[in-house]
Structure formats: C-alpha cells, structure tokens
Protein backbone atom coordinates (compact mmCIF):
# COMPACT_ATOMS: atom_id res chain seq x y z
CA MET A 1 124.89 84.08 96.54
CA ARG A 2 121.99 81.71 97.23
CA LEU A 3 121.23 81.31 100.94
CA TRP A 4 121.04 77.57 100.38
CA GLY A 5 122.84 75.08 98.14
CA GLY A 6 125.52 73.38 100.23
CA ARG A 7 124.01 69.95 99.62
CA PHE A 8 123.41 70.57 95.90
CA GLU A 9 125.95 69.62 93.26
CA GLY A 10 124.43 71.80 90.55
CA GLY A 11 122.51 75.04 90.30
CA PRO A 12 118.78 75.40 89.76
CA ALA A 13 117.26 75.29 86.30
CA ASP A 14 116.45 78.63 84.70
CA ALA A 15 112.75 77.83 84.87
CA LEU A 16 112.99 77.24 88.62
CA THR A 17 114.96 80.43 89.10
CA ARG A 18 112.39 82.48 87.24
CA LEU A 19 109.58 80.88 89.21
CA SER A 20 111.28 81.34 92.58
CA VAL A 21 112.44 84.92 92.30
CA SER A 22 110.54 87.45 94.42
CA VAL A 23 113.03 90.29 94.79
CA HIS A 24 111.23 92.32 92.12
CA PHE A 25 108.29 92.79 94.50
CA ASP A 26 109.66 92.15 97.99
CA TRP A 27 112.40 94.78 97.60
CA ARG A 28 110.11 97.23 99.36
CA LEU A 29 110.78 95.29 102.58
CA VAL A 30 114.40 96.54 102.64
CA PRO A 31 114.05 99.07 105.51
CA TYR A 32 112.17 96.55 107.64
CA ASP A 33 114.61 93.73 106.95
CA LEU A 34 117.52 95.99 107.88
CA LEU A 35 115.72 97.15 111.02
CA ALA A 36 115.24 93.54 112.09
CA SER A 37 118.86 92.74 111.17
CA ARG A 38 120.15 95.44 113.53
CA ALA A 39 118.03 94.04 116.36
CA HIS A 40 119.26 90.52 115.56
CA ALA A 41 122.89 91.68 115.54
CA ARG A 42 122.46 93.18 118.98
CA VAL A 43 120.90 90.00 120.36
CA LEU A 44 123.79 87.98 118.91
CA HIS A 45 126.18 90.34 120.70
CA ARG A 46 124.34 89.93 123.99
CA ALA A 47 124.55 86.17 123.49
CA GLY A 48 128.33 86.41 123.15
CA LEU A 49 128.27 85.47 119.46
CA LEU A 50 129.54 88.87 118.26
CA THR A 51 132.28 90.88 119.92
CA GLU A 52 131.80 94.57 120.65
CA ASP A 53 133.99 95.42 117.68
CA GLU A 54 132.13 93.01 115.39
CA LEU A 55 128.80 94.47 116.47
CA GLY A 56 129.97 98.01 115.75
CA ARG A 57 131.21 97.03 112.31
CA MET A 58 128.01 95.08 111.64
CA ILE A 59 125.72 97.99 112.59
CA GLY A 60 127.87 100.40 110.59
CA ALA A 61 127.66 98.15 107.51
CA LEU A 62 123.87 97.77 107.87
CA ASP A 63 123.52 101.56 108.17
CA ASP A 64 125.68 102.08 105.08
CA LEU A 65 123.71 99.44 103.20
CA GLU A 66 120.46 101.20 104.05
CA ARG A 67 121.87 104.51 102.84
CA ALA A 68 123.00 102.88 99.59
CA CYS A 69 119.59 101.30 99.06
CA LYS A 70 117.81 104.63 99.59
CA ALA A 71 120.21 106.38 97.20
CA GLY A 72 119.76 103.68 94.58
CA GLU A 73 123.47 102.83 94.73
CA PHE A 74 122.73 99.26 95.82
CA ARG A 75 120.12 97.37 93.85
CA PRO A 76 119.15 93.72 93.53
CA THR A 77 120.54 91.76 90.61
CA VAL A 78 119.03 89.04 88.46
CA ALA A 79 120.93 86.53 90.60
CA ASP A 80 119.28 87.65 93.85
CA GLU A 81 116.42 85.35 94.74
CA ASP A 82 114.74 87.65 97.24
CA VAL A 83 115.31 90.72 99.37
CA HIS A 84 117.13 88.69 102.03
CA THR A 85 119.60 87.26 99.51
CA ALA A 86 120.29 90.69 98.05
CA LEU A 87 120.89 92.32 101.42
CA GLU A 88 123.19 89.52 102.60
CA ARG A 89 125.18 90.04 99.41
CA GLY A 90 125.45 93.74 100.23
CA LEU A 91 126.56 92.94 103.76
CA LEU A 92 129.21 90.48 102.57
CA GLU A 93 130.52 93.08 100.12
CA ARG A 94 131.05 95.42 103.06
CA LEU A 95 132.21 93.01 105.77
CA GLY A 96 133.51 89.89 104.09
CA THR A 97 133.12 86.74 106.20
CA LEU A 98 131.91 88.74 109.21
CA GLY A 99 128.70 89.46 107.28
CA GLY A 100 127.92 85.76 107.29
CA LYS A 101 127.65 85.70 111.07
CA LEU A 102 124.35 87.60 111.00
CA ARG A 103 122.51 84.59 109.65
CA ALA A 104 123.07 82.62 112.87
CA GLY A 105 119.87 81.82 114.74
CA ARG A 106 117.44 83.04 112.10
CA SER A 107 115.87 81.83 108.89
CA ARG A 108 114.21 83.49 105.94
CA ASN A 109 111.03 81.96 107.38
CA ASP A 110 111.01 84.09 110.52
CA GLN A 111 112.67 87.00 108.70
CA VAL A 112 109.96 87.45 106.11
CA ALA A 113 107.16 86.94 108.62
CA THR A 114 108.72 89.69 110.75
CA ASP A 115 109.41 92.01 107.82
CA LEU A 116 105.85 91.79 106.54
CA ARG A 117 104.40 92.54 109.96
CA LEU A 118 106.70 95.54 110.35
CA TYR A 119 105.78 96.78 106.88
CA LEU A 120 102.06 96.44 107.47
CA ARG A 121 102.05 97.96 110.95
CA ASP A 122 103.85 100.97 109.48
CA HIS A 123 101.65 101.33 106.40
CA VAL A 124 98.38 100.80 108.24
CA ARG A 125 99.06 104.07 110.03
CA HIS A 126 99.53 105.79 106.66
CA ILE A 127 96.20 104.34 105.53
CA VAL A 128 94.49 105.55 108.70
CA SER A 129 95.88 109.05 108.10
CA ARG A 130 94.33 109.07 104.62
CA LEU A 131 91.03 107.77 106.01
CA VAL A 132 91.06 110.60 108.56
CA GLU A 133 91.42 113.09 105.70
CA LEU A 134 88.35 111.60 104.03
CA GLU A 135 86.38 111.61 107.29
CA THR A 136 87.33 115.24 107.83
CA ALA A 137 86.20 116.22 104.32
CA LEU A 138 82.86 114.49 104.84
CA MET A 139 82.37 116.13 108.25
CA SER A 140 83.17 119.57 106.84
CA GLN A 141 80.47 119.15 104.21
CA ALA A 142 78.06 117.73 106.79
CA GLU A 143 78.57 120.72 109.06
CA GLN A 144 77.59 123.06 106.24
CA HIS A 145 74.51 121.00 105.40
CA ALA A 146 73.15 119.93 108.78
CA GLU A 147 69.91 121.79 107.98
CA THR A 148 69.84 121.06 104.25
CA ALA A 149 66.90 118.78 103.54
CA ALA A 150 67.43 115.98 101.03
CA PRO A 151 65.40 113.06 99.73
CA GLY A 152 66.20 110.07 101.91
CA MET A 153 65.92 106.88 99.91
CA THR A 154 65.33 103.17 100.30
CA HIS A 155 65.43 100.93 97.23
CA LEU A 156 66.69 104.10 95.48
CA GLN A 157 63.14 105.45 95.79
CA HIS A 158 62.14 108.59 97.70
CA ALA A 159 61.29 107.53 101.24
CA GLN A 160 61.55 110.29 103.86
CA PRO A 161 63.28 113.67 104.03
CA VAL A 162 66.65 113.61 105.77
CA SER A 163 69.36 116.10 106.57
CA PHE A 164 72.01 115.88 103.84
CA GLY A 165 74.58 116.28 106.60
CA HIS A 166 73.08 113.19 108.27
CA GLN A 167 73.60 111.21 105.06
CA LEU A 168 77.20 112.37 104.74
CA LEU A 169 77.91 111.42 108.35
CA ALA A 170 76.58 107.92 107.70
CA HIS A 171 79.66 107.42 105.53
CA VAL A 172 81.91 108.82 108.27
CA HIS A 173 80.60 106.25 110.72
CA ALA A 174 81.42 103.47 108.25
CA PHE A 175 84.99 104.70 107.76
CA ALA A 176 85.38 105.19 111.51
CA ARG A 177 84.54 101.51 111.99
CA ASP A 178 87.16 100.65 109.37
CA ILE A 179 89.77 102.54 111.35
CA GLU A 180 88.76 100.87 114.59
CA ARG A 181 89.14 97.49 112.89
CA LEU A 182 92.65 98.46 111.77
CA ARG A 183 93.58 99.60 115.26
CA ASP A 184 92.26 96.35 116.67
CA TRP A 185 94.15 94.47 113.94
CA ASP A 186 97.37 96.19 115.02
CA ARG A 187 97.00 94.82 118.54
CA ARG A 188 96.95 91.25 117.18
CA ALA A 189 99.72 91.94 114.66
CA ALA A 190 102.07 93.24 117.37
CA VAL A 191 103.69 89.83 117.89
CA SER A 192 107.26 89.23 116.69
CA PRO A 193 108.13 85.98 114.88
CA LEU A 194 111.86 86.73 114.96
CA GLY A 195 113.72 84.06 116.91
CA SER A 196 111.51 81.25 115.66
CA GLY A 197 114.09 80.25 113.07
CA ALA A 198 112.85 77.93 110.34
CA LEU A 199 110.18 76.43 112.62
CA ALA A 200 111.65 75.18 115.91
CA GLY A 201 113.43 78.15 117.43
CA SER A 202 117.20 78.10 117.97
CA SER A 203 119.64 76.34 120.26
CA LEU A 204 121.62 79.59 120.44
CA PRO A 205 121.08 81.73 123.57
CA LEU A 206 118.92 84.35 121.83
CA ASP A 207 116.31 86.60 123.41
CA PRO A 208 113.20 86.87 121.21
CA GLN A 209 111.39 89.05 123.76
CA ALA A 210 114.18 91.65 123.73
CA VAL A 211 114.15 91.67 119.94
CA ALA A 212 110.35 92.09 119.97
CA ARG A 213 110.59 95.09 122.28
CA GLU A 214 113.31 96.71 120.16
CA LEU A 215 111.17 96.33 117.02
CA GLY A 216 108.09 97.84 118.65
CA PHE A 217 106.16 94.61 119.10
CA ASP A 218 104.23 93.87 122.28
CA SER A 219 105.63 90.36 122.61
CA ALA A 220 107.44 87.52 120.90
CA ALA A 221 105.47 84.65 119.37
CA PRO A 222 104.78 81.93 121.95
CA ASN A 223 104.93 79.09 119.39
CA SER A 224 107.70 78.99 116.79
CA MET A 225 105.74 76.77 114.38
CA ASP A 226 102.72 79.06 114.41
CA ALA A 227 104.96 82.11 114.11
CA VAL A 228 106.42 81.15 110.74
CA ALA A 229 103.19 79.65 109.35
CA ASP A 230 100.77 82.33 110.51
CA ARG A 231 99.44 84.72 107.89
CA ASP A 232 96.27 85.59 109.77
CA PHE A 233 97.60 89.10 110.14
CA ALA A 234 97.92 89.47 106.36
CA ALA A 235 94.50 87.96 105.64
CA GLU A 236 92.86 90.06 108.34
CA PHE A 237 94.45 93.20 106.93
CA LEU A 238 93.16 92.27 103.47
CA PHE A 239 89.68 91.83 104.94
CA ASP A 240 89.89 95.27 106.52
CA ALA A 241 91.14 96.69 103.20
CA ALA A 242 88.27 95.00 101.36
CA MET A 243 85.78 96.55 103.80
CA ILE A 244 87.32 99.98 103.22
CA GLY A 245 87.04 99.33 99.49
CA MET A 246 83.40 98.37 99.85
CA HIS A 247 82.67 101.55 101.79
CA LEU A 248 84.55 103.63 99.21
CA SER A 249 82.52 101.93 96.51
CA ARG A 250 79.22 102.79 98.21
CA LEU A 251 80.26 106.41 98.61
CA GLY A 252 81.50 106.44 95.03
CA GLU A 253 78.19 105.09 93.75
CA GLU A 254 76.27 107.79 95.61
CA ILE A 255 78.53 110.52 94.21
CA VAL A 256 78.02 109.16 90.69
CA LEU A 257 74.28 109.41 91.21
CA TRP A 258 74.42 112.83 92.89
CA ALA A 259 76.46 114.27 90.01
CA SER A 260 74.14 112.95 87.29
CA GLN A 261 71.71 115.16 85.38
CA GLU A 262 68.89 113.13 86.85
CA PHE A 263 69.91 114.04 90.42
CA ARG A 264 71.96 117.25 90.08
CA TRP A 265 72.59 117.27 93.83
CA ILE A 266 76.27 118.20 93.52
CA GLU A 267 78.72 119.83 91.13
CA MET A 268 82.19 118.26 91.09
CA ASP A 269 85.23 120.50 91.04
CA ASP A 270 87.13 120.51 87.75
CA ALA A 271 90.25 119.29 89.54
CA TYR A 272 88.50 116.02 90.41
CA SER A 273 86.58 115.46 87.16
CA THR A 274 87.45 114.35 83.65
CA GLY A 275 85.99 114.99 80.21
CA SER A 276 85.13 113.04 77.11
CA SER A 277 87.34 112.61 74.05
CA ILE A 278 84.32 113.04 71.77
CA MET A 279 81.59 114.86 73.74
CA PRO A 280 82.77 118.37 74.71
CA GLN A 281 80.03 118.92 77.28
CA LYS A 282 80.85 115.91 79.46
CA LYS A 283 82.07 116.14 83.05
CA ASN A 284 82.68 112.65 84.31
CA PRO A 285 82.92 111.40 87.93
CA ASP A 286 86.00 109.28 87.24
CA VAL A 287 87.35 109.51 90.80
CA ALA A 288 84.11 108.09 92.21
CA GLU A 289 83.94 105.42 89.49
CA LEU A 290 87.55 104.35 90.04
CA ALA A 291 86.93 104.17 93.79
CA ARG A 292 83.99 101.92 93.00
CA GLY A 293 86.04 99.85 90.58
CA LYS A 294 89.12 99.47 92.77
CA SER A 295 86.99 97.71 95.38
CA GLY A 296 87.11 94.68 93.08
CA ARG A 297 90.90 94.53 93.42
CA LEU A 298 90.71 94.81 97.20
CA ILE A 299 88.10 92.07 97.51
CA GLY A 300 90.00 89.92 95.01
CA ASN A 301 93.24 90.24 96.98
CA LEU A 302 91.51 88.88 100.07
CA MET A 303 90.08 85.94 98.13
CA SER A 304 93.50 85.25 96.58
CA LEU A 305 95.33 84.95 99.90
CA LEU A 306 92.58 82.98 101.63
CA THR A 307 92.62 80.49 98.77
CA THR A 308 96.40 80.19 99.03
CA LEU A 309 96.29 79.57 102.77
CA LYS A 310 93.37 77.20 102.99
CA GLY A 311 95.24 73.90 102.46
CA LEU A 312 98.73 74.53 103.79
CA PRO A 313 100.22 72.13 106.36
CA LEU A 314 102.45 73.47 109.09
CA THR A 315 104.84 75.14 108.94
CA TYR A 316 106.43 77.20 106.18
CA ASN A 317 105.62 76.36 102.57
CA ARG A 318 106.79 78.22 99.49
CA ASP A 319 103.16 78.98 98.70
CA LEU A 320 103.55 81.75 101.27
CA GLN A 321 105.59 83.70 98.75
CA GLU A 322 102.14 84.57 97.38
CA ASP A 323 101.22 86.53 100.51
CA LYS A 324 103.09 89.72 99.68
CA GLU A 325 101.77 90.83 96.31
CA PRO A 326 98.10 91.01 97.37
CA VAL A 327 99.11 92.84 100.56
CA PHE A 328 101.33 95.31 98.67
CA ASP A 329 98.66 95.85 96.02
CA SER A 330 95.96 96.56 98.63
CA VAL A 331 98.22 99.03 100.45
CA ASP A 332 99.10 100.78 97.18
CA THR A 333 95.48 100.84 96.05
CA LEU A 334 94.19 102.42 99.25
CA LEU A 335 96.97 105.01 99.39
CA LEU A 336 96.18 105.88 95.77
CA VAL A 337 92.39 106.06 96.03
CA LEU A 338 91.81 107.65 99.44
CA PRO A 339 93.45 111.06 98.77
CA ALA A 340 91.55 111.39 95.49
CA VAL A 341 88.18 110.64 97.09
CA ALA A 342 88.94 113.00 99.98
CA GLY A 343 89.77 115.75 97.49
CA LEU A 344 86.60 115.08 95.51
CA VAL A 345 84.42 115.30 98.63
CA ALA A 346 86.19 118.38 100.02
CA THR A 347 85.75 120.37 96.79
CA MET A 348 82.30 119.29 95.63
CA ARG A 349 79.60 121.99 95.61
CA VAL A 350 76.21 120.97 96.96
CA ASN A 351 73.13 122.16 95.06
CA THR A 352 71.12 123.07 98.15
CA ALA A 353 68.13 124.40 96.21
CA LYS A 354 67.81 121.19 94.20
CA LEU A 355 68.07 119.01 97.28
CA GLU A 356 65.48 120.92 99.25
CA SER A 357 63.03 121.24 96.39
CA SER A 358 63.07 117.49 95.80
CA ALA A 359 63.04 116.45 99.48
CA PRO A 360 59.22 116.14 99.69
CA ASP A 361 58.85 114.51 96.25
CA GLY A 362 57.24 111.10 96.03
CA PHE A 363 54.92 111.80 98.98
CA ALA A 364 57.95 111.59 101.27
CA LEU A 365 55.98 113.08 104.18
CA ALA A 366 53.52 110.18 104.22
CA THR A 367 55.12 108.57 107.27
CA ASP A 368 54.91 111.86 109.18
CA LEU A 369 51.19 111.99 108.46
CA ALA A 370 50.71 108.39 109.62
CA GLU A 371 52.66 109.06 112.82
CA LEU A 372 50.49 112.13 113.51
CA LEU A 373 47.44 109.85 113.47
CA VAL A 374 49.23 107.44 115.82
CA ARG A 375 49.85 110.29 118.26
CA ARG A 376 46.09 110.91 118.13
CA GLY A 377 45.35 107.34 119.13
CA VAL A 378 44.83 105.71 115.74
CA PRO A 379 46.44 102.23 115.49
CA PHE A 380 49.39 102.39 113.12
CA ARG A 381 47.87 99.67 110.92
CA GLU A 382 44.84 101.90 110.29
CA ALA A 383 46.96 105.03 109.94
CA HIS A 384 49.23 103.31 107.40
CA GLU A 385 46.24 102.19 105.33
CA ALA A 386 44.55 105.60 105.45
CA VAL A 387 47.69 107.41 104.27
CA GLY A 388 48.18 104.79 101.56
CA HIS A 389 44.66 105.55 100.28
CA LEU A 390 45.47 109.26 100.36
CA VAL A 391 48.60 108.69 98.25
CA VAL A 392 46.60 106.73 95.67
CA TRP A 393 43.94 109.46 95.57
CA CYS A 394 46.62 112.10 95.00
CA GLN A 395 48.22 110.09 92.20
CA VAL A 396 44.90 109.58 90.45
CA ASN A 397 44.06 113.27 90.74
CA ASP A 398 47.59 114.50 90.01
CA LYS A 399 47.95 116.37 93.28
CA ASP A 400 50.51 116.53 96.06
CA PHE A 401 49.74 116.64 99.77
CA ASP A 402 50.10 120.41 100.04
CA GLU A 403 47.55 120.93 97.24
CA LEU A 404 44.69 119.11 98.96
CA THR A 405 41.64 121.03 100.20
CA ASP A 406 40.03 120.39 103.57
CA GLU A 407 37.14 118.67 101.84
CA GLU A 408 39.43 116.38 99.87
CA LEU A 409 41.32 115.35 103.00
CA VAL A 410 38.16 114.38 104.86
CA LYS A 411 36.74 112.68 101.78
CA VAL A 412 39.62 110.21 101.76
CA SER A 413 39.43 109.51 105.52
CA PRO A 414 37.76 111.13 108.50
CA HIS A 415 41.09 110.85 110.29
CA PHE A 416 42.46 113.66 108.11
CA THR A 417 41.31 116.88 109.71
CA PRO A 418 42.47 120.27 108.36
CA ASP A 419 45.13 120.56 111.08
CA SER A 420 46.77 117.42 109.69
CA ARG A 421 48.73 119.80 107.49
CA GLU A 422 50.85 120.76 110.49
CA VAL A 423 53.19 117.84 109.76
CA LEU A 424 53.37 118.39 106.00
CA SER A 425 56.53 120.49 106.29
CA VAL A 426 60.00 119.25 105.43
CA PRO A 427 61.78 121.35 108.11
CA GLY A 428 59.23 120.13 110.63
CA ALA A 429 59.73 116.53 109.55
CA LEU A 430 63.48 116.84 110.07
CA ALA A 431 63.18 118.57 113.43
CA ALA A 432 60.70 115.96 114.67
CA ARG A 433 63.21 113.15 114.27
CA LYS A 434 65.18 114.25 117.31
CA ALA A 435 65.67 110.93 119.08
CA HIS A 436 69.24 109.65 119.44
CA GLY A 437 70.58 108.76 116.00
CA GLY A 438 67.84 110.65 114.19
CA THR A 439 68.16 113.08 111.30
CA ALA A 440 67.14 116.24 113.17
CA PRO A 441 69.73 119.00 112.63
CA ASP A 442 70.41 119.15 116.37
CA ARG A 443 71.21 115.43 116.39
CA VAL A 444 73.46 115.89 113.34
CA ARG A 445 75.41 118.52 115.27
CA ASP A 446 75.65 116.12 118.22
CA GLN A 447 77.08 113.51 115.86
CA LEU A 448 79.64 115.99 114.60
CA VAL A 449 80.84 116.74 118.13
CA ALA A 450 81.23 113.03 118.94
CA LEU A 451 82.83 112.21 115.59
CA ARG A 452 85.38 115.01 115.88
CA GLU A 453 86.57 113.50 119.14
CA THR A 454 86.71 110.04 117.56
CA VAL A 455 88.55 111.25 114.46
CA ASP A 456 91.02 113.29 116.53
CA GLY A 457 91.86 110.14 118.45
CA GLN A 458 92.29 108.20 115.22
CA ALA A 459 94.60 110.89 113.82
CA ALA A 460 96.69 110.82 117.00
CA TRP A 461 97.04 107.03 116.76
CA ALA A 462 98.09 107.26 113.12
CA SER A 463 100.80 109.75 114.01
CA GLY A 464 102.09 107.50 116.81
CA ASN A 465 100.82 109.62 119.69
C-alpha cells in the first residue's frame, strides 16, 4: 500500500520502515486530509477527470471513511507509512480502482502542508477560546480588587503601592497581545498549498484558487516551490505558543509567591491545589508550577523546529516530517494548561487585609514624598536625596514614615514640613496616579472597560463570528 515503489524491485528494510513511519502521530490530521480530499475530488470533476457518478461515489466513500475513522472502525496498520497512505488504503477498500484516481494532480508534499495549516488554523481558535477564559478570570478578580492596595515591586523588593487589580490586568494585557499575534498569524497562514503537487504544480487543468476558497483559505500559494517547502507558519505558531508559555510562566511564578507563607496574599482553592505525601499540612501550587514548567516544552518545541529548518534546500525534504510533533505537542500543552490556570485564578481567594497592610512596607511611599517636593519647586535630584536621607534616618531609628514627629521631619531636611504627611497615605498614593495607564482605581476601571471590549472581540473571532 505504499504510495511509491513502482521503480523499486524490493521493499524497504525494516529499519527504514521504522524510521519513516509517522502515522502514529499524524493520524490526528485525518479530518483535515479528508476535507482537502473532498475539495480535490470536486476540482478533478470540474476538470473533467471524474464523471458526475464517479464524484458522487468518491464523496460518499470519503464521508463513510470519515465516519469509520471517528467510530474507530478504521484504524492505521503497521504497514501504513503515514496518514495519507492509510486513508488511500481505506478509499481503495471502498472504491477499488476508482479510489486511485484521487491521487491525480497532488502529492503528499502539498497534502501535508495543507493538512497542517488546516489543523493549526482550527486549533488556534480553540487556544484563543481558552486564553479568553483566562483573561476573563483575571478581569473578574481585578474588578473586585480595583481599590485593593498591594505592594508593587521591582527586583522583587517593595517599590510603590499599586492596585492589585492593576497588577492582575497587567497579565491580561500580555495575554491579549498573545491573542492578537495568533490572529495576525492566521492571516498569513490562510494560504493554500494544495495544487502545488510535489513542487512544480500540475499539468492537469486544476483550480487551486477554487480549492483554497472551499477550504476556507484566503488564496492559493503563488509559488509552488515555496508552498511545499514553507514551514514559516508552523515556526511562527510555535513562537506564539512559546510567548504564551512565557506569560503563563510569569503568572505562575507570581501565584507561587502570592500563595507562600512569606507573602500570604492569596489562598488557593482546594480544587486547584495538591498536598504532600509526607507533610499533612502542605497545600502546594502545582497548577502554577506546572504552568511555569511547561513553558520549557513550548520554548523547546520552537527551538527544535527552527533547528530542523535552518539548513534545508528547496523544496520538500523528509526532514519536514519533524514539523508535526512539536506543533502537536505545543497545541496539546496549551489546551491542557490554560483551563487549569484559568480555574486556579477564578477560584483563588485574595487576602485583602494582608495586601493592604503590607502595601506601605519598605518605605513604599518615598517616591510620593519626593514628588510632593517637586510640586513645591524642589529639583527632583535634591528631593530624591532628601527622601533617601529620611529613609536612612528611619532605618537607624527603627521608625516608619507615619511615626515621625514634626521635629524629626525638619531635622532631616527643611524641605519636610509637617504638611508633608498629606501624601503618606496608601489610598492617596493610588488615587494620585491617575494619568493614562496609571494604577489609580479609576484608571483600573477604565482598563476593564477597554479590555472587555477587546476580549469580547477575541471571543467572537475564536467562535468564527
């Protein structure tokens, strides 16, 4: 049942067969291969290469083959080299010699390039749907905590108070960019290779543009050699997947920290936590840790395919068999991780009291004090230095800003008058940062309004609307 072999006197060695076989992983392309086969049958009919009766029997056999594949009644065998070989066998079993007519004008080279594009364009929308669920969970938490003050950090050190909702929405913006990259990717992936044959097109009167339209592509490939050699769409998808993984990893790392005894910012729901086999008291953030860990797979898949592609001459080379497993693994990984992280975020309980009590720790209002002096005409360089001296004085004397007397303020610098305390308030510090993009609760609510519109549009795209 090999799709080649006419010029060979003997069969391949067992070692070659084992090396060449791909049907154990490319079987998932069945629905896409059959979809493309129906379109190809119709173009053969329009070209006068199939009669009306032959076309009807061909479509009926392809439909029956798809039903049998879904039901598990038709499966690949050890003799099937790949998904294309297996499905042609199924077609021949149903149609006899008529089934062999479908191969006219196409090659496994343009078939697999088409199948993989169809598969990815379909599954990218599933991934976007799962990303929307995560965005929605983050926005729901952010809405509840627009006015909850939290320690904003740089270098993992207390820096300035921020709205916890603002911090949660920072992750939404990152995932929203991921979705926009995938939508932009889809525009470039919407090019059909079918009709390119092995590399040079076909002398048969086919219509690649009609096939492209039937399969939901925007156009047919303008260059047959590029069409069968191009795996930019796969590599670009893997880059987008790696970026999603990186963003999941950053969110996962923050959740690990937030759930620790040292932070105690959140309590994870039991449904999204695990325990220890030896320590009864443990409640572990495994979902967040696995999200962090899976990013290594996603980044590795990108590196794997890029390394495979980097030295290939035009056009098709068997090396390209290595394109599918990293793509399939990245799709599977994202569809596995995203629902779990969305569930973790949606069900976590935020320790508002802990967040707000620690928001001013580490002299986090120092910048507000320096900016007050700037508003009074003091050059920022001098204001920065004066507040730095005040911090050192407080550390030496084991005091915080709100414990200083009027005399102690003036003693450190004449710039610090008693009314300087007007900015030493966490709610005031949040409200003051009201410029576009700032952490003021009103700006957080503005973000939520804009993001809901963005996410609604992303959800509509994922559903095909």
